[in-house]
Amino acid sequence: MRANARHSEHADAVLLRSVDFGEADRIVTLLTSRHGKVSLLARSARRSKRRFGGALEPFSLLDVELSFGHGELGVLHAASVTRAFPVLLRDLARMTAAGAALELVREVMPERTPDPSVFACTIAMFDALSQEALATAPLALAFRAHVMGLAGFAPRLSACGVCGKRPARGQAAELDPARGFVVCRACGGAAHRLSGAMRELLICALEEQWLPAQDRVYAKDEIDAAARALHVFIEQRLDRQVRTTAGA
């Protein structure tokens, strides 16, 4: 066993970002099943086919060997693909949605804070996007809302945040992204209108079973409006710009 891997361990992981470092190394950011988001130095990653091969690419479930010392960076000793999602690389819209999903996870997750729910829903997103019969835009919208909810930033969509009045199920409402809740017309309304179908989709996305119904068809203009509203909400909560999904 290598001396620098004496205390290494294996974990399931997804690549969030990879940056070239020096002549042959890479610094990678992974979402792992056991440690949450971690930053690791992969020595000779651009040269070693035996230890890394083509594993350090996005949109795959990986088995990684890693270790941590006393510094901020851990060490990635090896990585291999245990499950690939090739459909994502053949469809630009699905690849864009998957890329935006990974960026959101990277931005919202704190370092070394395990969250099995975030890891599980990221893999579920890859799996759902790989089913070509499923529409991309509702999946992307639901995933973004679900991850924000898991991170503690769920928008309040079931009642007016000013007076507490609850719209009927399936009723449209107006979202104030800065305040993070819907506002009824009697209380002045808000800038972003969510159709009844989109409000219901987002409310369901905040639940454990977050994936949209497979047989439901949504109007593109309604999805685009909801995606814009949610995107503004996310940037307000994170206080920085993040990648949009298609239509946002």
Protein backbone atom coordinates (compact mmCIF):
# COMPACT_ATOMS: atom_id res chain seq x y z
CA MET A 1 0.00 0.00 0.00
CA ARG A 2 1.28 3.45 -0.85
CA ALA A 3 2.58 5.42 2.15
CA ASN A 4 0.51 8.46 1.30
CA ALA A 5 -2.62 6.30 1.00
CA ARG A 6 -2.16 4.52 4.35
CA HIS A 7 -5.24 6.13 5.81
CA SER A 8 -7.24 6.34 2.60
CA GLU A 9 -10.85 5.29 2.20
CA HIS A 10 -13.31 4.70 -0.61
CA ALA A 11 -16.48 6.67 -1.25
CA ASP A 12 -19.08 7.18 -3.93
CA ALA A 13 -18.69 10.59 -5.53
CA VAL A 14 -19.74 12.97 -8.29
CA LEU A 15 -17.32 15.44 -9.86
CA LEU A 16 -18.43 19.04 -9.33
CA ARG A 17 -15.38 20.81 -10.74
CA SER A 18 -11.85 20.08 -11.98
CA VAL A 19 -9.09 22.67 -12.39
CA ASP A 20 -5.64 22.00 -13.84
CA PHE A 21 -2.84 22.67 -11.35
CA GLY A 22 0.86 22.74 -12.16
CA GLU A 23 2.20 20.60 -14.97
CA ALA A 24 0.23 17.41 -14.37
CA ASP A 25 -1.98 17.73 -11.28
CA ARG A 26 -5.59 18.70 -10.85
CA ILE A 27 -7.59 20.16 -8.00
CA VAL A 28 -11.01 18.56 -7.98
CA THR A 29 -14.18 19.34 -6.09
CA LEU A 30 -16.29 16.28 -5.40
CA LEU A 31 -19.67 15.67 -3.84
CA THR A 32 -19.14 12.50 -1.84
CA SER A 33 -21.55 10.19 -0.12
CA ARG A 34 -19.57 10.18 3.15
CA HIS A 35 -18.05 13.65 3.49
CA GLY A 36 -20.26 15.95 1.44
CA LYS A 37 -18.39 18.48 -0.72
CA VAL A 38 -14.61 18.12 -0.59
CA SER A 39 -11.65 19.67 -2.40
CA LEU A 40 -8.82 17.30 -3.26
CA LEU A 41 -5.45 17.34 -4.97
CA ALA A 42 -5.18 14.67 -7.66
CA ARG A 43 -1.45 14.31 -8.29
CA SER A 44 -0.46 13.46 -11.86
CA ALA A 45 -4.14 13.22 -12.79
CA ARG A 46 -3.41 14.41 -16.34
CA ARG A 47 -0.83 11.67 -16.84
CA SER A 48 -1.89 8.62 -14.84
CA LYS A 49 -4.29 6.45 -16.84
CA ARG A 50 -3.96 3.63 -14.33
CA ARG A 51 -5.23 5.63 -11.33
CA PHE A 52 -7.70 7.94 -13.02
CA GLY A 53 -8.25 6.94 -16.64
CA GLY A 54 -11.13 9.04 -17.96
CA ALA A 55 -12.93 9.13 -14.61
CA LEU A 56 -12.42 12.82 -13.83
CA GLU A 57 -15.23 13.96 -16.08
CA PRO A 58 -18.69 15.22 -15.05
CA PHE A 59 -21.98 13.32 -15.18
CA SER A 60 -20.76 9.98 -13.78
CA LEU A 61 -21.03 8.15 -10.50
CA LEU A 62 -17.49 7.48 -9.29
CA ASP A 63 -15.74 5.24 -6.82
CA VAL A 64 -12.92 7.34 -5.37
CA GLU A 65 -10.03 6.63 -3.02
CA LEU A 66 -9.23 9.68 -0.92
CA SER A 67 -7.56 10.77 2.28
CA PHE A 68 -7.45 13.87 4.45
CA GLY A 69 -4.56 15.43 6.32
CA HIS A 70 -4.28 18.63 8.29
CA GLY A 71 -4.54 21.06 5.36
CA GLU A 72 -7.55 22.38 3.52
CA LEU A 73 -6.96 20.05 0.57
CA GLY A 74 -7.33 16.32 0.84
CA VAL A 75 -5.72 13.92 -1.61
CA LEU A 76 -7.47 11.98 -4.36
CA HIS A 77 -5.48 8.80 -4.91
CA ALA A 78 -7.63 7.11 -7.56
CA ALA A 79 -11.00 7.26 -9.25
CA SER A 80 -13.04 4.97 -11.47
CA VAL A 81 -16.46 5.19 -13.09
CA THR A 82 -19.07 2.90 -11.56
CA ARG A 83 -22.03 4.27 -13.50
CA ALA A 84 -22.05 6.50 -16.57
CA PHE A 85 -24.92 8.58 -17.95
CA PRO A 86 -24.01 8.87 -21.66
CA VAL A 87 -27.36 10.34 -22.69
CA LEU A 88 -26.37 13.58 -20.94
CA LEU A 89 -23.41 13.98 -23.30
CA ARG A 90 -25.53 13.49 -26.42
CA ASP A 91 -28.25 16.05 -25.67
CA LEU A 92 -27.28 19.70 -25.23
CA ALA A 93 -30.36 20.65 -23.18
CA ARG A 94 -29.87 17.72 -20.79
CA MET A 95 -26.15 18.38 -20.51
CA THR A 96 -26.85 22.06 -19.76
CA ALA A 97 -29.40 21.13 -17.09
CA ALA A 98 -27.01 18.63 -15.51
CA GLY A 99 -24.17 21.15 -15.53
CA ALA A 100 -26.33 23.81 -13.89
CA ALA A 101 -27.43 21.25 -11.29
CA LEU A 102 -23.83 20.46 -10.38
CA GLU A 103 -22.94 24.14 -10.16
CA LEU A 104 -25.85 24.80 -7.81
CA VAL A 105 -24.81 21.91 -5.57
CA ARG A 106 -21.24 23.21 -5.52
CA GLU A 107 -22.37 26.72 -4.61
CA VAL A 108 -24.92 25.80 -1.96
CA MET A 109 -23.11 22.99 -0.12
CA PRO A 110 -20.61 23.84 2.65
CA GLU A 111 -17.27 22.02 2.74
CA ARG A 112 -17.12 18.62 4.44
CA THR A 113 -20.73 18.62 5.59
CA PRO A 114 -22.28 15.26 4.67
CA ASP A 115 -25.82 15.38 3.33
CA PRO A 116 -26.95 12.01 1.94
CA SER A 117 -30.17 13.59 0.64
CA VAL A 118 -28.29 16.00 -1.63
CA PHE A 119 -26.07 13.21 -2.92
CA ALA A 120 -29.08 10.95 -3.58
CA CYS A 121 -31.09 13.60 -5.40
CA THR A 122 -28.09 14.49 -7.58
CA ILE A 123 -27.84 10.89 -8.77
CA ALA A 124 -31.63 10.78 -9.16
CA MET A 125 -31.39 13.90 -11.35
CA PHE A 126 -28.80 12.22 -13.59
CA ASP A 127 -30.97 9.13 -13.81
CA ALA A 128 -34.11 11.11 -14.67
CA LEU A 129 -32.31 13.22 -17.28
CA SER A 130 -31.07 10.01 -18.89
CA GLN A 131 -34.66 8.96 -19.59
CA GLU A 132 -35.19 10.66 -22.91
CA ALA A 133 -38.98 10.43 -22.62
CA LEU A 134 -38.94 12.78 -19.62
CA ALA A 135 -39.04 16.53 -20.24
CA THR A 136 -35.85 18.35 -19.22
CA ALA A 137 -37.20 21.72 -18.08
CA PRO A 138 -39.56 20.49 -15.31
CA LEU A 139 -36.82 18.19 -13.99
CA ALA A 140 -34.31 21.03 -13.84
CA LEU A 141 -36.81 23.33 -12.13
CA ALA A 142 -37.82 20.73 -9.53
CA PHE A 143 -34.21 19.79 -8.79
CA ARG A 144 -33.16 23.39 -8.15
CA ALA A 145 -36.09 23.97 -5.79
CA HIS A 146 -35.45 20.68 -4.00
CA VAL A 147 -31.75 21.37 -3.42
CA MET A 148 -32.49 24.86 -2.14
CA GLY A 149 -35.00 23.35 0.27
CA LEU A 150 -32.46 20.78 1.51
CA ALA A 151 -29.99 23.61 2.06
CA GLY A 152 -32.50 25.49 4.22
CA PHE A 153 -33.52 28.07 1.64
CA ALA A 154 -36.98 26.85 0.64
CA PRO A 155 -39.27 29.53 -0.83
CA ARG A 156 -42.61 29.84 0.95
CA LEU A 157 -45.27 29.12 -1.65
CA SER A 158 -48.30 27.86 0.26
CA ALA A 159 -49.44 31.14 1.83
CA CYS A 160 -48.97 34.89 1.44
CA GLY A 161 -45.92 35.88 3.45
CA VAL A 162 -47.57 39.16 4.49
CA CYS A 163 -51.12 38.26 5.55
CA GLY A 164 -51.00 34.48 5.66
CA LYS A 165 -53.85 33.94 3.21
CA ARG A 166 -53.54 30.55 1.50
CA PRO A 167 -54.26 30.34 -2.24
CA ALA A 168 -56.39 27.42 -3.32
CA ARG A 169 -54.58 24.39 -4.66
CA GLY A 170 -53.64 24.97 -8.28
CA GLN A 171 -54.15 28.73 -8.00
CA ALA A 172 -51.55 31.11 -9.46
CA ALA A 173 -49.55 33.33 -7.12
CA GLU A 174 -46.86 36.00 -7.28
CA LEU A 175 -43.39 35.36 -5.86
CA ASP A 176 -41.17 38.01 -4.32
CA PRO A 177 -37.67 36.48 -4.71
CA ALA A 178 -36.02 38.98 -2.38
CA ARG A 179 -38.36 38.17 0.50
CA GLY A 180 -38.64 34.51 -0.42
CA PHE A 181 -42.43 34.13 -0.37
CA VAL A 182 -45.56 34.64 -2.41
CA VAL A 183 -47.56 37.83 -1.94
CA CYS A 184 -51.28 38.03 -2.62
CA ARG A 185 -52.79 40.85 -4.68
CA ALA A 186 -54.43 42.37 -1.61
CA CYS A 187 -50.96 42.82 -0.09
CA GLY A 188 -49.49 44.38 -3.20
CA GLY A 189 -48.49 41.34 -5.22
CA ALA A 190 -44.96 40.71 -6.49
CA ALA A 191 -42.90 40.82 -9.67
CA HIS A 192 -42.85 37.15 -10.65
CA ARG A 193 -46.07 35.30 -11.43
CA LEU A 194 -46.17 31.56 -10.90
CA SER A 195 -48.99 29.76 -12.69
CA GLY A 196 -51.04 27.35 -10.65
CA ALA A 197 -49.30 24.39 -12.27
CA MET A 198 -45.85 25.81 -11.57
CA ARG A 199 -46.66 26.67 -7.97
CA GLU A 200 -47.84 23.11 -7.42
CA LEU A 201 -44.71 21.70 -9.12
CA LEU A 202 -42.46 23.79 -6.87
CA ILE A 203 -44.40 22.90 -3.72
CA CYS A 204 -44.10 19.20 -4.58
CA ALA A 205 -40.40 19.70 -5.36
CA LEU A 206 -39.81 20.72 -1.75
CA GLU A 207 -41.06 17.32 -0.58
CA GLU A 208 -39.06 14.09 -0.31
CA GLN A 209 -40.58 12.73 -3.52
CA TRP A 210 -39.50 15.70 -5.59
CA LEU A 211 -39.45 14.33 -9.15
CA PRO A 212 -42.24 15.75 -11.36
CA ALA A 213 -45.00 13.44 -12.58
CA GLN A 214 -43.89 11.73 -15.77
CA ASP A 215 -47.23 12.10 -17.53
CA ARG A 216 -47.72 15.81 -16.78
CA VAL A 217 -47.25 18.31 -19.62
CA TYR A 218 -46.42 21.93 -18.79
CA ALA A 219 -46.66 25.01 -20.97
CA LYS A 220 -43.25 26.34 -21.98
CA ASP A 221 -44.04 29.97 -21.14
CA GLU A 222 -45.13 28.95 -17.63
CA ILE A 223 -41.97 26.92 -17.08
CA ASP A 224 -39.78 29.76 -18.37
CA ALA A 225 -41.47 32.28 -16.04
CA ALA A 226 -41.07 29.96 -13.04
CA ALA A 227 -37.44 29.25 -13.94
CA ARG A 228 -36.69 32.99 -14.06
CA ALA A 229 -38.38 33.56 -10.71
CA LEU A 230 -36.54 30.69 -9.05
CA HIS A 231 -33.23 31.78 -10.55
CA VAL A 232 -33.61 35.27 -9.07
CA PHE A 233 -34.58 33.70 -5.73
CA ILE A 234 -31.46 31.48 -5.77
CA GLU A 235 -29.12 34.36 -6.57
CA GLN A 236 -30.72 36.45 -3.83
CA ARG A 237 -30.22 33.69 -1.27
CA LEU A 238 -26.66 32.81 -2.31
CA ASP A 239 -25.71 36.46 -2.92
CA ARG A 240 -23.85 35.58 -6.13
CA GLN A 241 -24.53 34.69 -9.74
CA VAL A 242 -25.13 31.05 -10.71
CA ARG A 243 -25.63 29.41 -14.07
CA THR A 244 -29.13 29.43 -15.45
CA THR A 245 -30.96 26.44 -16.84
CA ALA A 246 -32.58 26.51 -20.25
CA GLY A 247 -35.38 29.06 -20.26
CA ALA A 248 -34.14 30.86 -17.16
